[in-house]
Amino acid sequence: MKATFFETRKAKNKRGIKTGLIYSQKERGMVALFSAIITVAIMTVVFAEYQYDNIIHLQVTQNVSSRIKAKYLAQSGIKFSLLLLAIQKKFIDPVNQKFKFNYQLWNQIPISGELLSMLMNNGGAFLNSMASTPTDSESYETDDKSEQSTLKNRINDGVEQNKPPKNSEKEGDIQFERMFQFDGDFYAEISDENSKYSVNYFSNKFKTETIKLNLVSLFNQPEYKTFFEETRENEQVISPEEVAAAIQDWVDSDDERVGFYSGAEDDRYLYLKKPYRNKNGVFSSPEELYMIYGVDDDLMSAFGDSLTIYGSNEININTCDENVLRSIIFGVVKDIPQTYLLPYSQEMNQLVNLIIEARTISPFGNANEFYQLLNSMEGIKVDNALKNRFKLTTKSTYFKITSYGSVDGVVQKATAVINTDNMSSFIFYKEE
């Protein structure tokens, strides 16, 4: 009988003849191994990608968390600054006025989270010591056990101070030392806006000449003479009068240039690469000054600390800086000696230093005391007709607070402007 196909194949297999069926099994094994390797490789890549995404998401979450913490730390700096200004106004200013002091609390201490934490923790230690003070009946106990306990506490006092505060859950056991132990820190600065010229005063059409003369007097100082003689914008020389007039044209409500060559209405700005119109309104932020014809980084570096957009242009003669002091002297003294008009004049520097030293020891009670000091200097005579150019005061009410909160390298900034005569609301507030 003829063998079937399967019987023939089975007989060949018994003789050890390699068949196509055996090759197929090895190939399948190799395919399975290769598939396993590819699967493991894909899973490794997917897992790595998953891990990477998780790390990124975790970092983003941490950054968001740090940003939120930094934001509230910056707000804490604002609140702490407001507290110092309130203390200054209610307690220190009356003492300054009565005894003719010039102490500014907000300008004498660093406004930071570290200071606040130190104050509160020391206060907490005091409260803890008060909480542990015995009552009247207990204070008269003089038994041996009490004395031994007191002695033991004294002996161990140095050891106990080095121990971390305990995490007691007992009712009434308040651990004040744990207050303000937060991540990050804040730092704040307070600037007296009454020590600067307010450019928004141009909005008062009856006082435009006053602020323009103030600015011209500020810009015309001998130290900056060469600055205004250099070609700056559009290869043109821009005079102090031109810059002051351009600021006036930005704020005043009309469309007429101040003077024939001065000022800067729409025609100054519509021909720029990125044209814009003249505002004809008050400045909304100090950065807006950079839109004015003739105002750039160099000018703001020289005069930026002497300019503000807040207040009513009343200059506190007890707090204004050297630039403003010089501009007032140049503005009210008509026939000033030539030696005072030299750049970096030694006579002018001595006069300014004398004024600063005098107001530090005994601040000016009013503007007349300042003018009397000027008149006492040899060769200096205040022209009474020129006094109206300046609104001098000895009281500051407008303050700008700049606060920074920082957590893990993430920094948030908060800026506030306050009038201490009405501390219930901000004149300006911005977070960034």
Protein backbone atom coordinates (compact mmCIF):
# COMPACT_ATOMS: atom_id res chain seq x y z
CA MET A 1 0.00 0.00 0.00
CA LYS A 2 1.28 3.41 -0.86
CA ALA A 3 2.25 5.52 2.20
CA THR A 4 0.35 8.68 2.77
CA PHE A 5 2.00 12.13 2.83
CA PHE A 6 1.88 12.41 6.61
CA GLU A 7 3.32 8.92 7.10
CA THR A 8 6.19 9.71 4.72
CA ARG A 9 6.87 13.01 6.58
CA LYS A 10 6.76 11.19 9.93
CA ALA A 11 9.21 8.55 8.71
CA LYS A 12 11.60 11.21 7.47
CA ASN A 13 11.44 12.92 10.80
CA LYS A 14 12.43 9.69 12.51
CA ARG A 15 15.48 9.49 10.32
CA GLY A 16 16.50 12.98 11.40
CA ILE A 17 15.79 14.64 8.14
CA LYS A 18 15.20 18.35 8.67
CA THR A 19 11.89 19.43 7.35
CA GLY A 20 10.34 22.80 6.57
CA LEU A 21 8.12 22.44 9.63
CA ILE A 22 11.18 22.58 12.00
CA TYR A 23 12.58 25.69 10.23
CA SER A 24 9.23 27.37 10.71
CA GLN A 25 9.32 26.82 14.48
CA LYS A 26 12.80 28.42 14.82
CA GLU A 27 11.75 31.36 12.75
CA ARG A 28 8.70 31.78 14.91
CA GLY A 29 10.89 31.76 17.99
CA MET A 30 13.15 34.41 16.54
CA VAL A 31 10.16 36.50 15.59
CA ALA A 32 8.76 36.14 19.10
CA LEU A 33 12.11 37.14 20.63
CA PHE A 34 12.43 40.11 18.29
CA SER A 35 8.85 41.14 19.08
CA ALA A 36 9.59 40.93 22.80
CA ILE A 37 12.68 43.11 22.40
CA ILE A 38 10.73 45.71 20.40
CA THR A 39 7.90 45.62 22.96
CA VAL A 40 10.32 46.15 25.84
CA ALA A 41 12.03 48.99 23.93
CA ILE A 42 8.71 50.67 23.20
CA MET A 43 7.59 50.26 26.81
CA THR A 44 10.91 51.72 27.99
CA VAL A 45 10.49 54.75 25.71
CA VAL A 46 6.86 55.19 26.77
CA PHE A 47 7.79 54.88 30.45
CA ALA A 48 10.66 57.34 30.04
CA GLU A 49 8.34 59.76 28.27
CA TYR A 50 5.78 59.28 31.02
CA GLN A 51 8.40 59.93 33.67
CA TYR A 52 9.62 63.00 31.79
CA ASP A 53 6.08 64.34 31.53
CA ASN A 54 5.58 63.75 35.23
CA ILE A 55 8.79 65.60 36.04
CA ILE A 56 7.72 68.51 33.82
CA HIS A 57 4.25 68.58 35.36
CA LEU A 58 5.77 68.42 38.83
CA GLN A 59 8.12 71.29 38.01
CA VAL A 60 5.27 73.34 36.57
CA THR A 61 3.22 72.64 39.67
CA GLN A 62 6.11 73.65 41.91
CA ASN A 63 6.62 76.83 39.88
CA VAL A 64 2.94 77.69 40.15
CA SER A 65 3.05 76.99 43.87
CA SER A 66 6.20 79.12 44.26
CA ARG A 67 4.63 81.90 42.21
CA ILE A 68 1.54 81.92 44.42
CA LYS A 69 3.67 81.93 47.57
CA ALA A 70 5.87 84.70 46.18
CA LYS A 71 2.77 86.71 45.27
CA TYR A 72 1.45 86.61 48.82
CA LEU A 73 4.90 87.34 50.22
CA ALA A 74 5.04 90.47 48.03
CA GLN A 75 1.62 91.42 49.38
CA SER A 76 2.98 90.88 52.89
CA GLY A 77 5.71 93.40 52.11
CA ILE A 78 3.03 95.91 51.10
CA LYS A 79 1.06 95.30 54.30
CA PHE A 80 4.14 95.55 56.50
CA SER A 81 5.10 98.82 54.79
CA LEU A 82 1.61 100.21 55.37
CA LEU A 83 1.98 99.32 59.05
CA LEU A 84 5.26 101.25 59.27
CA LEU A 85 3.71 104.27 57.53
CA ALA A 86 0.76 104.18 59.92
CA ILE A 87 3.12 104.05 62.92
CA GLN A 88 5.12 106.92 61.42
CA LYS A 89 2.03 109.07 60.95
CA LYS A 90 0.32 108.36 64.29
CA PHE A 91 3.22 108.13 66.72
CA ILE A 92 6.50 109.35 65.25
CA ASP A 93 5.45 112.43 63.26
CA PRO A 94 3.89 114.14 66.32
CA VAL A 95 7.16 113.55 68.21
CA ASN A 96 9.17 114.85 65.24
CA GLN A 97 7.05 117.97 65.12
CA LYS A 98 7.18 118.63 68.87
CA PHE A 99 10.91 118.12 69.31
CA LYS A 100 11.98 119.10 65.76
CA PHE A 101 13.28 115.67 64.84
CA ASN A 102 13.48 114.23 61.35
CA TYR A 103 13.25 110.52 62.09
CA GLN A 104 11.68 108.42 59.33
CA LEU A 105 11.00 104.91 60.62
CA TRP A 106 10.33 103.45 57.16
CA ASN A 107 13.71 104.73 55.93
CA GLN A 108 15.75 103.48 58.89
CA ILE A 109 14.99 99.75 58.99
CA PRO A 110 15.11 97.03 56.32
CA ILE A 111 11.58 96.02 55.37
CA SER A 112 11.90 92.26 54.94
CA GLY A 113 10.40 88.95 55.98
CA GLU A 114 13.49 88.25 58.02
CA LEU A 115 12.90 91.35 60.14
CA LEU A 116 9.20 90.53 60.55
CA SER A 117 9.99 86.94 61.53
CA MET A 118 12.56 88.14 64.07
CA LEU A 119 10.12 90.62 65.59
CA MET A 120 7.27 88.13 65.81
CA ASN A 121 9.38 85.27 67.10
CA ASN A 122 10.92 87.44 69.80
CA GLY A 123 7.46 88.63 70.65
CA GLY A 124 6.30 85.01 70.75
CA ALA A 125 9.10 84.11 73.13
CA PHE A 126 7.98 86.96 75.36
CA LEU A 127 4.37 85.76 75.26
CA ASN A 128 5.46 82.23 76.07
CA SER A 129 7.40 83.47 79.08
CA MET A 130 4.37 85.45 80.19
CA ALA A 131 2.17 82.37 79.77
CA SER A 132 4.49 80.38 82.02
CA THR A 133 4.60 83.07 84.76
CA PRO A 134 3.05 81.72 87.99
CA THR A 135 -0.07 83.24 89.49
CA ASP A 136 0.02 85.37 92.64
CA SER A 137 -0.83 82.46 94.91
CA GLU A 138 1.76 80.24 93.27
CA SER A 139 4.48 82.87 93.49
CA TYR A 140 4.54 82.70 97.25
CA GLU A 141 5.20 78.97 97.37
CA THR A 142 8.68 78.42 98.80
CA ASP A 143 8.73 74.70 99.43
CA ASP A 144 11.84 72.69 98.65
CA LYS A 145 10.28 71.02 95.65
CA SER A 146 9.57 74.37 94.04
CA GLU A 147 13.07 75.66 94.73
CA GLN A 148 14.64 72.49 93.36
CA SER A 149 12.52 72.75 90.24
CA THR A 150 13.57 76.38 89.72
CA LEU A 151 17.21 75.51 90.24
CA LYS A 152 16.93 72.63 87.81
CA ASN A 153 15.38 74.91 85.19
CA ARG A 154 18.21 77.38 85.62
CA ILE A 155 20.84 74.69 85.27
CA ASN A 156 19.23 73.27 82.15
CA ASP A 157 18.43 76.66 80.69
CA GLY A 158 21.33 76.61 78.25
CA VAL A 159 20.48 73.09 77.13
CA GLU A 160 16.79 73.84 76.67
CA GLN A 161 17.54 76.85 74.49
CA ASN A 162 19.31 74.67 71.95
CA LYS A 163 16.41 72.23 71.64
CA PRO A 164 13.88 72.66 68.84
CA PRO A 165 10.38 73.74 69.93
CA LYS A 166 8.30 70.77 70.93
CA ASN A 167 5.19 69.77 69.01
CA SER A 168 2.94 69.71 72.01
CA GLU A 169 -0.76 69.08 71.52
CA LYS A 170 -1.70 70.14 75.04
CA GLU A 171 -4.58 72.56 75.29
CA GLY A 172 -3.38 76.12 75.76
CA ASP A 173 0.24 75.31 74.87
CA ILE A 174 0.88 77.90 72.14
CA GLN A 175 4.14 77.62 70.23
CA PHE A 176 4.73 81.20 69.10
CA GLU A 177 8.22 80.31 67.89
CA ARG A 178 6.70 78.50 64.93
CA MET A 179 5.08 81.64 63.54
CA PHE A 180 6.39 83.09 60.27
CA GLN A 181 8.58 80.11 59.47
CA PHE A 182 7.54 80.25 55.81
CA ASP A 183 9.29 79.44 52.54
CA GLY A 184 11.00 82.32 50.79
CA ASP A 185 11.24 85.94 51.83
CA PHE A 186 10.05 89.40 50.89
CA TYR A 187 11.80 92.75 50.59
CA ALA A 188 10.12 96.14 50.24
CA GLU A 189 11.21 99.72 49.62
CA ILE A 190 9.31 102.93 50.38
CA SER A 191 9.98 106.13 48.47
CA ASP A 192 8.72 109.58 49.43
CA GLU A 193 6.85 110.91 46.40
CA ASN A 194 6.69 114.37 47.98
CA SER A 195 10.44 114.61 47.50
CA LYS A 196 10.03 114.68 43.69
CA TYR A 197 8.53 116.88 40.98
CA SER A 198 5.10 115.68 39.85
CA VAL A 199 4.84 115.92 36.05
CA ASN A 200 1.08 115.34 36.18
CA TYR A 201 0.83 118.81 37.71
CA PHE A 202 0.72 120.05 34.11
CA SER A 203 -2.95 119.03 34.17
CA ASN A 204 -3.59 122.10 36.35
CA LYS A 205 -3.79 124.74 33.62
CA PHE A 206 -3.31 127.52 36.16
CA LYS A 207 -0.01 126.05 37.41
CA THR A 208 1.65 124.82 34.21
CA GLU A 209 4.28 127.55 34.34
CA THR A 210 5.29 126.49 37.85
CA ILE A 211 6.05 122.85 37.05
CA LYS A 212 7.72 123.81 33.74
CA LEU A 213 10.10 126.13 35.58
CA ASN A 214 10.74 123.37 38.12
CA LEU A 215 11.72 120.90 35.40
CA VAL A 216 13.85 123.41 33.51
CA SER A 217 15.64 124.24 36.75
CA LEU A 218 16.19 120.51 37.36
CA PHE A 219 17.47 119.82 33.83
CA ASN A 220 19.61 122.97 33.63
CA GLN A 221 22.08 122.01 36.34
CA PRO A 222 25.73 122.54 35.32
CA GLU A 223 26.53 118.82 35.75
CA TYR A 224 24.19 117.99 32.85
CA LYS A 225 25.07 120.81 30.49
CA THR A 226 27.03 118.60 28.09
CA PHE A 227 24.25 115.99 28.25
CA PHE A 228 21.78 118.37 26.61
CA GLU A 229 24.37 119.62 24.13
CA GLU A 230 24.89 116.15 22.64
CA THR A 231 22.91 114.93 19.64
CA ARG A 232 20.48 112.34 20.96
CA GLU A 233 17.13 111.69 19.30
CA ASN A 234 16.96 111.79 15.50
CA GLU A 235 20.46 113.33 15.55
CA GLN A 236 19.04 116.50 17.10
CA VAL A 237 20.06 118.48 20.17
CA ILE A 238 17.20 118.53 22.65
CA SER A 239 17.29 121.37 25.17
CA PRO A 240 15.92 121.20 28.75
CA GLU A 241 13.17 123.62 27.71
CA GLU A 242 12.20 121.33 24.84
CA VAL A 243 11.90 118.25 27.09
CA ALA A 244 9.84 120.17 29.65
CA ALA A 245 7.56 121.50 26.90
CA ALA A 246 7.12 118.00 25.42
CA ILE A 247 6.01 116.69 28.83
CA GLN A 248 3.58 119.58 29.13
CA ASP A 249 2.12 118.90 25.68
CA TRP A 250 1.62 115.23 26.60
CA VAL A 251 -0.47 116.14 29.65
CA ASP A 252 -2.34 119.32 28.68
CA SER A 253 -5.68 118.95 26.93
CA ASP A 254 -5.04 121.13 23.87
CA ASP A 255 -3.42 120.26 20.54
CA GLU A 256 -1.18 123.31 20.33
CA ARG A 257 2.56 123.11 20.76
CA VAL A 258 4.08 125.00 23.65
CA GLY A 259 6.23 127.61 21.90
CA PHE A 260 7.32 127.74 18.27
CA TYR A 261 10.06 125.11 18.35
CA SER A 262 9.23 123.45 21.66
CA GLY A 263 6.67 120.87 22.60
CA ALA A 264 5.52 117.64 21.02
CA GLU A 265 1.95 117.19 19.86
CA ASP A 266 0.81 114.51 17.38
CA ASP A 267 3.19 115.63 14.62
CA ARG A 268 6.17 114.58 16.77
CA TYR A 269 4.97 111.01 17.14
CA LEU A 270 3.01 110.16 13.98
CA TYR A 271 6.21 110.03 11.91
CA LEU A 272 7.90 107.41 14.07
CA LYS A 273 8.41 103.81 12.89
CA LYS A 274 5.70 102.81 15.35
CA PRO A 275 3.51 105.93 15.35
CA TYR A 276 1.16 106.91 18.15
CA ARG A 277 -0.80 109.99 19.12
CA ASN A 278 -0.16 112.49 21.85
CA LYS A 279 -2.14 111.51 24.95
CA ASN A 280 -3.45 114.91 26.09
CA GLY A 281 -4.01 113.41 29.52
CA VAL A 282 -2.23 112.60 32.75
CA PHE A 283 0.40 109.87 32.99
CA SER A 284 -0.96 106.49 34.08
CA SER A 285 2.43 105.03 35.02
CA PRO A 286 6.02 106.28 35.34
CA GLU A 287 7.03 104.07 32.37
CA GLU A 288 4.81 106.21 30.16
CA LEU A 289 7.43 108.96 30.41
CA TYR A 290 9.53 107.00 27.91
CA MET A 291 6.97 107.88 25.22
CA ILE A 292 7.84 111.55 25.53
CA TYR A 293 10.00 113.22 22.89
CA GLY A 294 13.50 113.58 24.36
CA VAL A 295 13.03 111.12 27.24
CA ASP A 296 15.24 108.04 27.11
CA ASP A 297 17.26 105.77 29.40
CA ASP A 298 20.05 108.33 29.77
CA LEU A 299 17.70 111.11 30.86
CA MET A 300 15.79 108.84 33.26
CA SER A 301 19.05 107.56 34.71
CA ALA A 302 19.98 111.16 35.54
CA PHE A 303 16.59 112.52 36.64
CA GLY A 304 14.23 109.57 37.11
CA ASP A 305 14.58 109.56 40.91
CA SER A 306 13.54 113.22 40.98
CA LEU A 307 10.33 112.77 38.95
CA THR A 308 6.97 111.29 39.87
CA ILE A 309 3.42 111.21 38.49
CA TYR A 310 1.78 111.34 41.94
CA GLY A 311 1.02 114.12 44.38
CA SER A 312 0.40 117.82 43.89
CA ASN A 313 4.01 118.89 43.22
CA GLU A 314 4.61 119.90 46.84
CA ILE A 315 8.30 119.32 47.57
CA ASN A 316 9.23 118.24 51.09
CA ILE A 317 12.36 120.27 51.77
CA ASN A 318 13.30 117.84 54.57
CA THR A 319 13.38 114.72 52.36
CA CYS A 320 14.16 115.77 48.76
CA ASP A 321 17.40 114.54 47.20
CA GLU A 322 20.48 116.54 46.14
CA ASN A 323 19.27 116.98 42.55
CA VAL A 324 16.03 118.61 43.68
CA LEU A 325 17.83 120.72 46.30
CA ARG A 326 20.18 122.11 43.67
CA SER A 327 17.33 122.86 41.28
CA ILE A 328 15.51 124.82 44.03
CA ILE A 329 18.65 126.82 44.82
CA PHE A 330 19.23 127.62 41.14
CA GLY A 331 15.56 128.52 40.82
CA VAL A 332 15.20 130.98 43.72
CA VAL A 333 18.63 132.66 43.71
CA LYS A 334 18.71 135.23 40.92
CA ASP A 335 22.32 136.45 40.92
CA ILE A 336 24.12 133.35 42.10
CA PRO A 337 27.95 133.56 42.14
CA GLN A 338 29.65 132.04 39.11
CA THR A 339 31.59 129.58 41.27
CA TYR A 340 28.27 127.88 42.08
CA LEU A 341 27.51 127.46 38.38
CA LEU A 342 30.55 125.33 37.59
CA PRO A 343 29.96 121.60 36.98
CA TYR A 344 30.47 119.71 40.24
CA SER A 345 31.15 123.02 41.99
CA GLN A 346 32.79 122.60 45.39
CA GLU A 347 30.88 125.61 46.73
CA MET A 348 27.54 124.16 45.60
CA ASN A 349 28.36 120.73 47.03
CA GLN A 350 29.28 122.30 50.37
CA LEU A 351 26.03 124.26 50.42
CA VAL A 352 23.93 121.18 49.63
CA ASN A 353 25.75 119.11 52.25
CA LEU A 354 25.21 121.89 54.79
CA ILE A 355 21.47 121.88 54.10
CA ILE A 356 21.26 118.09 54.43
CA GLU A 357 23.24 118.14 57.68
CA ALA A 358 21.13 120.98 59.08
CA ARG A 359 17.80 119.29 58.33
CA THR A 360 19.09 116.00 59.76
CA ILE A 361 19.92 117.63 63.09
CA SER A 362 16.89 119.93 63.14
CA PRO A 363 14.43 119.72 60.24
CA PHE A 364 12.97 122.84 58.70
CA GLY A 365 9.67 123.83 60.28
CA ASN A 366 8.58 125.67 57.16
CA ALA A 367 9.88 126.99 53.83
CA ASN A 368 10.94 130.32 55.34
CA GLU A 369 13.47 128.59 57.58
CA PHE A 370 15.01 127.04 54.48
CA TYR A 371 15.21 130.41 52.74
CA GLN A 372 16.73 131.97 55.86
CA LEU A 373 19.51 129.39 55.80
CA LEU A 374 20.21 130.19 52.15
CA ASN A 375 20.32 133.92 52.86
CA SER A 376 22.83 133.29 55.64
CA MET A 377 25.36 131.99 53.12
CA GLU A 378 27.86 134.46 51.72
CA GLY A 379 27.03 135.58 48.19
CA ILE A 380 23.57 133.92 48.24
CA LYS A 381 20.44 136.06 48.15
CA VAL A 382 16.98 134.57 47.65
CA ASP A 383 14.80 136.56 45.27
CA ASN A 384 11.36 136.79 46.87
CA ALA A 385 9.73 137.08 43.45
CA LEU A 386 11.14 133.66 42.48
CA LYS A 387 9.81 131.81 45.53
CA ASN A 388 6.49 131.22 43.78
CA ARG A 389 8.24 128.88 41.36
CA PHE A 390 8.28 126.17 44.03
CA LYS A 391 5.71 124.70 46.40
CA LEU A 392 7.78 123.77 49.43
CA THR A 393 6.41 121.80 52.36
CA THR A 394 7.74 119.96 55.41
CA LYS A 395 5.18 117.15 55.36
CA SER A 396 4.98 114.06 53.16
CA THR A 397 1.73 112.24 52.49
CA TYR A 398 2.36 110.44 49.20
CA PHE A 399 4.46 107.27 49.32
CA LYS A 400 5.30 104.56 46.81
CA ILE A 401 5.84 101.00 48.05
CA THR A 402 7.71 98.47 45.89
CA SER A 403 7.67 94.95 47.30
CA TYR A 404 9.30 91.74 46.03
CA GLY A 405 8.38 88.21 47.11
CA SER A 406 10.81 85.38 46.34
CA VAL A 407 10.36 81.60 46.68
CA ASP A 408 12.78 79.07 45.13
CA GLY A 409 14.06 81.60 42.60
CA VAL A 410 10.56 82.73 41.55
CA VAL A 411 10.10 86.48 42.11
CA GLN A 412 6.81 88.37 42.17
CA LYS A 413 6.57 92.17 42.39
CA ALA A 414 3.84 94.36 43.85
CA THR A 415 3.72 98.15 43.63
CA ALA A 416 1.39 100.43 45.57
CA VAL A 417 1.01 104.19 45.97
CA ILE A 418 -0.77 105.49 49.06
CA ASN A 419 -1.83 108.83 50.48
CA THR A 420 -1.39 108.56 54.24
CA ASP A 421 -4.22 111.06 54.74
CA ASN A 422 -6.52 108.36 53.38
CA MET A 423 -5.04 104.91 53.89
CA SER A 424 -8.30 103.09 53.21
CA SER A 425 -7.54 102.75 49.49
CA PHE A 426 -4.59 102.76 47.11
CA ILE A 427 -4.00 105.49 44.56
CA PHE A 428 -2.26 102.86 42.42
CA TYR A 429 -1.73 99.12 42.78
CA LYS A 430 -0.14 96.60 40.42
CA GLU A 431 1.16 93.04 40.67
CA GLU A 432 3.61 91.55 38.17
